[in-house]
PDB file of all heavy atoms in Angstrom:
ATOM      1  N   VAL A   1     126.767  98.680  80.335  1.00  0.00           N
ATOM      2  CA  VAL A   1     127.853  98.668  79.143  1.00  0.00           C
ATOM      3  C   VAL A   1     127.205  97.818  78.091  1.00  0.00           C
ATOM      4  O   VAL A   1     126.925  96.615  78.294  1.00  0.00           O
ATOM      5  CB  VAL A   1     129.042  97.923  79.702  1.00  0.00           C
ATOM      6  CG1 VAL A   1     130.082  97.882  78.592  1.00  0.00           C
ATOM      7  CG2 VAL A   1     129.628  98.710  80.875  1.00  0.00           C
ATOM      8  N   GLY A   2     127.015  98.461  77.044  1.00  0.00           N
ATOM      9  CA  GLY A   2     126.267  97.847  75.903  1.00  0.00           C
ATOM     10  C   GLY A   2     127.093  97.537  74.694  1.00  0.00           C
ATOM     11  O   GLY A   2     126.584  97.653  73.523  1.00  0.00           O
ATOM     12  N   LEU A   3     128.349  97.214  74.813  1.00  0.00           N
ATOM     13  CA  LEU A   3     129.288  97.061  73.701  1.00  0.00           C
ATOM     14  C   LEU A   3     128.689  96.026  72.716  1.00  0.00           C
ATOM     15  O   LEU A   3     128.702  96.185  71.502  1.00  0.00           O
ATOM     16  CB  LEU A   3     130.666  96.571  74.182  1.00  0.00           C
ATOM     17  CG  LEU A   3     131.445  97.704  74.950  1.00  0.00           C
ATOM     18  CD1 LEU A   3     132.708  97.127  75.535  1.00  0.00           C
ATOM     19  CD2 LEU A   3     131.651  98.864  74.081  1.00  0.00           C
ATOM     20  N   LEU A   4     128.236  94.856  73.289  1.00  0.00           N
ATOM     21  CA  LEU A   4     127.730  93.747  72.421  1.00  0.00           C
ATOM     22  C   LEU A   4     126.216  93.896  72.147  1.00  0.00           C
ATOM     23  O   LEU A   4     125.705  93.773  71.113  1.00  0.00           O
ATOM     24  CB  LEU A   4     128.028  92.410  73.061  1.00  0.00           C
ATOM     25  CG  LEU A   4     127.593  91.251  72.235  1.00  0.00           C
ATOM     26  CD1 LEU A   4     128.174  91.256  70.854  1.00  0.00           C
ATOM     27  CD2 LEU A   4     128.039  90.032  73.019  1.00  0.00           C
ATOM     28  N   VAL A   5     125.536  94.245  73.287  1.00  0.00           N
ATOM     29  CA  VAL A   5     124.005  94.218  73.198  1.00  0.00           C
ATOM     30  C   VAL A   5     123.586  95.262  72.225  1.00  0.00           C
ATOM     31  O   VAL A   5     122.563  95.043  71.498  1.00  0.00           O
ATOM     32  CB  VAL A   5     123.437  94.526  74.669  1.00  0.00           C
ATOM     33  CG1 VAL A   5     121.940  94.743  74.548  1.00  0.00           C
ATOM     34  CG2 VAL A   5     123.797  93.350  75.556  1.00  0.00           C
ATOM     35  N   ASP A   6     124.239  96.488  72.152  1.00  0.00           N
ATOM     36  CA  ASP A   6     123.722  97.543  71.216  1.00  0.00           C
ATOM     37  C   ASP A   6     123.966  97.164  69.844  1.00  0.00           C
ATOM     38  O   ASP A   6     123.339  97.776  68.939  1.00  0.00           O
ATOM     39  CB  ASP A   6     124.565  98.755  71.612  1.00  0.00           C
ATOM     40  CG  ASP A   6     124.219  99.426  72.938  1.00  0.00           C
ATOM     41  OD1 ASP A   6     123.028  99.050  73.527  1.00  0.00           O
ATOM     42  OD2 ASP A   6     124.897 100.274  73.492  1.00  0.00           O
ATOM     43  N   ARG A   7     124.798  96.203  69.454  1.00  0.00           N
ATOM     44  CA  ARG A   7     124.949  95.815  68.166  1.00  0.00           C
ATOM     45  C   ARG A   7     123.939  94.734  67.649  1.00  0.00           C
ATOM     46  O   ARG A   7     123.861  94.422  66.439  1.00  0.00           O
ATOM     47  CB  ARG A   7     126.375  95.297  68.010  1.00  0.00           C
ATOM     48  CG  ARG A   7     127.361  96.266  68.115  1.00  0.00           C
ATOM     49  CD  ARG A   7     128.773  95.685  67.964  1.00  0.00           C
ATOM     50  NE  ARG A   7     130.004  96.509  68.121  1.00  0.00           N
ATOM     51  CZ  ARG A   7     130.180  97.802  68.578  1.00  0.00           C
ATOM     52  NH1 ARG A   7     129.199  98.453  68.870  1.00  0.00           N
ATOM     53  NH2 ARG A   7     131.326  98.266  68.672  1.00  0.00           N
ATOM     54  N   LEU A   8     123.111  94.263  68.597  1.00  0.00           N
ATOM     55  CA  LEU A   8     122.140  93.185  68.266  1.00  0.00           C
ATOM     56  C   LEU A   8     120.856  93.822  68.253  1.00  0.00           C
ATOM     57  O   LEU A   8     120.460  94.872  68.708  1.00  0.00           O
ATOM     58  CB  LEU A   8     122.223  92.099  69.431  1.00  0.00           C
ATOM     59  CG  LEU A   8     123.536  91.312  69.440  1.00  0.00           C
ATOM     60  CD1 LEU A   8     123.536  90.463  70.644  1.00  0.00           C
ATOM     61  CD2 LEU A   8     123.890  90.608  68.185  1.00  0.00           C
ATOM     62  N   SER A   9     119.877  93.032  67.598  1.00  0.00           N
ATOM     63  CA  SER A   9     118.441  93.483  67.626  1.00  0.00           C
ATOM     64  C   SER A   9     117.602  92.157  67.651  1.00  0.00           C
ATOM     65  O   SER A   9     118.088  91.078  67.430  1.00  0.00           O
ATOM     66  CB  SER A   9     118.203  94.312  66.439  1.00  0.00           C
ATOM     67  OG  SER A   9     118.396  93.580  65.155  1.00  0.00           O
ATOM     68  N   GLY A  10     116.353  92.401  67.816  1.00  0.00           N
ATOM     69  CA  GLY A  10     115.368  91.300  67.745  1.00  0.00           C
ATOM     70  C   GLY A  10     115.570  90.217  68.739  1.00  0.00           C
ATOM     71  O   GLY A  10     115.925  90.440  69.923  1.00  0.00           O
ATOM     72  N   ARG A  11     115.469  88.947  68.286  1.00  0.00           N
ATOM     73  CA  ARG A  11     115.604  87.778  69.227  1.00  0.00           C
ATOM     74  C   ARG A  11     116.932  87.700  69.874  1.00  0.00           C
ATOM     75  O   ARG A  11     117.138  87.321  70.995  1.00  0.00           O
ATOM     76  CB  ARG A  11     115.107  86.551  68.535  1.00  0.00           C
ATOM     77  CG  ARG A  11     113.654  86.392  68.340  1.00  0.00           C
ATOM     78  CD  ARG A  11     113.357  85.092  67.712  1.00  0.00           C
ATOM     79  NE  ARG A  11     111.978  85.010  67.375  1.00  0.00           N
ATOM     80  CZ  ARG A  11     111.236  83.971  67.636  1.00  0.00           C
ATOM     81  NH1 ARG A  11     111.775  82.877  68.039  1.00  0.00           N
ATOM     82  NH2 ARG A  11     109.858  83.918  67.390  1.00  0.00           N
ATOM     83  N   ALA A  12     117.951  87.930  69.038  1.00  0.00           N
ATOM     84  CA  ALA A  12     119.329  87.784  69.610  1.00  0.00           C
ATOM     85  C   ALA A  12     119.557  88.760  70.675  1.00  0.00           C
ATOM     86  O   ALA A  12     120.109  88.425  71.754  1.00  0.00           O
ATOM     87  CB  ALA A  12     120.317  88.102  68.368  1.00  0.00           C
ATOM     88  N   ARG A  13     119.123  90.050  70.477  1.00  0.00           N
ATOM     89  CA  ARG A  13     119.301  90.938  71.635  1.00  0.00           C
ATOM     90  C   ARG A  13     118.499  90.581  72.849  1.00  0.00           C
ATOM     91  O   ARG A  13     119.047  90.593  73.933  1.00  0.00           O
ATOM     92  CB  ARG A  13     118.846  92.381  71.125  1.00  0.00           C
ATOM     93  CG  ARG A  13     119.075  93.308  72.291  1.00  0.00           C
ATOM     94  CD  ARG A  13     118.625  94.796  71.861  1.00  0.00           C
ATOM     95  NE  ARG A  13     118.861  95.715  72.914  1.00  0.00           N
ATOM     96  CZ  ARG A  13     119.327  96.889  72.825  1.00  0.00           C
ATOM     97  NH1 ARG A  13     119.710  97.336  71.747  1.00  0.00           N
ATOM     98  NH2 ARG A  13     119.372  97.594  73.923  1.00  0.00           N
ATOM     99  N   ARG A  14     117.245  90.195  72.604  1.00  0.00           N
ATOM    100  CA  ARG A  14     116.373  89.687  73.747  1.00  0.00           C
ATOM    101  C   ARG A  14     117.064  88.549  74.473  1.00  0.00           C
ATOM    102  O   ARG A  14     116.966  88.490  75.609  1.00  0.00           O
ATOM    103  CB  ARG A  14     115.000  89.395  73.326  1.00  0.00           C
ATOM    104  CG  ARG A  14     114.204  90.772  73.077  1.00  0.00           C
ATOM    105  CD  ARG A  14     112.734  90.581  73.037  1.00  0.00           C
ATOM    106  NE  ARG A  14     112.183  89.235  72.783  1.00  0.00           N
ATOM    107  CZ  ARG A  14     111.678  88.742  71.676  1.00  0.00           C
ATOM    108  NH1 ARG A  14     111.579  89.460  70.614  1.00  0.00           N
ATOM    109  NH2 ARG A  14     111.262  87.571  71.605  1.00  0.00           N
ATOM    110  N   ALA A  15     117.607  87.615  73.700  1.00  0.00           N
ATOM    111  CA  ALA A  15     118.274  86.376  74.336  1.00  0.00           C
ATOM    112  C   ALA A  15     119.514  86.852  75.155  1.00  0.00           C
ATOM    113  O   ALA A  15     119.615  86.320  76.290  1.00  0.00           O
ATOM    114  CB  ALA A  15     118.727  85.439  73.276  1.00  0.00           C
ATOM    115  N   LEU A  16     120.297  87.662  74.661  1.00  0.00           N
ATOM    116  CA  LEU A  16     121.465  88.201  75.437  1.00  0.00           C
ATOM    117  C   LEU A  16     121.031  89.017  76.649  1.00  0.00           C
ATOM    118  O   LEU A  16     121.551  88.847  77.747  1.00  0.00           O
ATOM    119  CB  LEU A  16     122.432  89.025  74.571  1.00  0.00           C
ATOM    120  CG  LEU A  16     123.693  89.483  75.153  1.00  0.00           C
ATOM    121  CD1 LEU A  16     124.510  88.241  75.744  1.00  0.00           C
ATOM    122  CD2 LEU A  16     124.511  90.291  74.180  1.00  0.00           C
ATOM    123  N   GLU A  17     120.015  89.883  76.398  1.00  0.00           N
ATOM    124  CA  GLU A  17     119.499  90.713  77.624  1.00  0.00           C
ATOM    125  C   GLU A  17     118.839  89.723  78.605  1.00  0.00           C
ATOM    126  O   GLU A  17     119.081  89.964  79.877  1.00  0.00           O
ATOM    127  CB  GLU A  17     118.289  91.559  77.079  1.00  0.00           C
ATOM    128  CG  GLU A  17     118.862  92.687  76.138  1.00  0.00           C
ATOM    129  CD  GLU A  17     119.325  93.898  76.850  1.00  0.00           C
ATOM    130  OE1 GLU A  17     119.595  93.798  78.098  1.00  0.00           O
ATOM    131  OE2 GLU A  17     119.502  94.970  76.267  1.00  0.00           O
ATOM    132  N   THR A  18     118.254  88.693  78.231  1.00  0.00           N
ATOM    133  CA  THR A  18     117.715  87.609  79.203  1.00  0.00           C
ATOM    134  C   THR A  18     118.889  86.993  79.934  1.00  0.00           C
ATOM    135  O   THR A  18     118.803  86.887  81.183  1.00  0.00           O
ATOM    136  CB  THR A  18     116.846  86.581  78.470  1.00  0.00           C
ATOM    137  OG1 THR A  18     115.811  87.244  77.773  1.00  0.00           O
ATOM    138  CG2 THR A  18     116.258  85.539  79.383  1.00  0.00           C
ATOM    139  N   LEU A  19     119.930  86.598  79.277  1.00  0.00           N
ATOM    140  CA  LEU A  19     121.031  86.033  79.950  1.00  0.00           C
ATOM    141  C   LEU A  19     121.689  86.975  80.939  1.00  0.00           C
ATOM    142  O   LEU A  19     121.918  86.597  82.105  1.00  0.00           O
ATOM    143  CB  LEU A  19     122.049  85.577  78.826  1.00  0.00           C
ATOM    144  CG  LEU A  19     123.365  84.916  79.411  1.00  0.00           C
ATOM    145  CD1 LEU A  19     122.902  83.486  80.026  1.00  0.00           C
ATOM    146  CD2 LEU A  19     124.355  84.701  78.316  1.00  0.00           C
ATOM    147  N   CYS A  20     121.767  88.247  80.605  1.00  0.00           N
ATOM    148  CA  CYS A  20     122.350  89.273  81.415  1.00  0.00           C
ATOM    149  C   CYS A  20     121.489  89.471  82.643  1.00  0.00           C
ATOM    150  O   CYS A  20     121.938  89.647  83.844  1.00  0.00           O
ATOM    151  CB  CYS A  20     122.583  90.574  80.712  1.00  0.00           C
ATOM    152  SG  CYS A  20     123.912  90.494  79.496  1.00  0.00           S
ATOM    153  N   GLY A  21     120.132  89.435  82.380  1.00  0.00           N
ATOM    154  CA  GLY A  21     119.200  89.657  83.386  1.00  0.00           C
ATOM    155  C   GLY A  21     119.177  88.474  84.375  1.00  0.00           C
ATOM    156  O   GLY A  21     119.101  88.768  85.627  1.00  0.00           O
ATOM    157  N   VAL A  22     119.338  87.223  83.901  1.00  0.00           N
ATOM    158  CA  VAL A  22     119.408  86.142  84.819  1.00  0.00           C
ATOM    159  C   VAL A  22     120.652  86.231  85.653  1.00  0.00           C
ATOM    160  O   VAL A  22     120.540  85.973  86.893  1.00  0.00           O
ATOM    161  CB  VAL A  22     119.318  84.830  84.035  1.00  0.00           C
ATOM    162  CG1 VAL A  22     119.730  83.585  84.862  1.00  0.00           C
ATOM    163  CG2 VAL A  22     117.948  84.682  83.391  1.00  0.00           C
ATOM    164  N   ALA A  23     121.809  86.602  85.088  1.00  0.00           N
ATOM    165  CA  ALA A  23     122.957  86.849  85.941  1.00  0.00           C
ATOM    166  C   ALA A  23     122.813  87.863  86.981  1.00  0.00           C
ATOM    167  O   ALA A  23     123.238  87.654  88.137  1.00  0.00           O
ATOM    168  CB  ALA A  23     124.238  87.164  85.026  1.00  0.00           C
ATOM    169  N   THR A  24     122.249  89.033  86.609  1.00  0.00           N
ATOM    170  CA  THR A  24     121.955  90.095  87.528  1.00  0.00           C
ATOM    171  C   THR A  24     120.981  89.580  88.662  1.00  0.00           C
ATOM    172  O   THR A  24     121.230  89.930  89.806  1.00  0.00           O
ATOM    173  CB  THR A  24     121.377  91.236  86.776  1.00  0.00           C
ATOM    174  OG1 THR A  24     122.264  91.712  85.843  1.00  0.00           O
ATOM    175  CG2 THR A  24     121.052  92.434  87.765  1.00  0.00           C
ATOM    176  N   LEU A  25     119.979  88.918  88.212  1.00  0.00           N
ATOM    177  CA  LEU A  25     118.987  88.359  89.257  1.00  0.00           C
ATOM    178  C   LEU A  25     119.689  87.474  90.281  1.00  0.00           C
ATOM    179  O   LEU A  25     119.449  87.499  91.478  1.00  0.00           O
ATOM    180  CB  LEU A  25     117.829  87.778  88.558  1.00  0.00           C
ATOM    181  CG  LEU A  25     116.802  87.177  89.482  1.00  0.00           C
ATOM    182  CD1 LEU A  25     116.066  88.212  90.273  1.00  0.00           C
ATOM    183  CD2 LEU A  25     115.733  86.315  88.587  1.00  0.00           C
ATOM    184  N   ALA A  26     120.523  86.541  89.723  1.00  0.00           N
ATOM    185  CA  ALA A  26     121.209  85.605  90.565  1.00  0.00           C
ATOM    186  C   ALA A  26     122.156  86.292  91.649  1.00  0.00           C
ATOM    187  O   ALA A  26     122.103  86.034  92.846  1.00  0.00           O
ATOM    188  CB  ALA A  26     122.100  84.671  89.759  1.00  0.00           C
TER     189      ALA A  26
END
């Protein structure tokens, strides 16, 4: 679900993707 992620780009998108990835990994 990319409601927020799809609206971002660059560092902001990578930061949010990283946060989602860490939650998924946990």
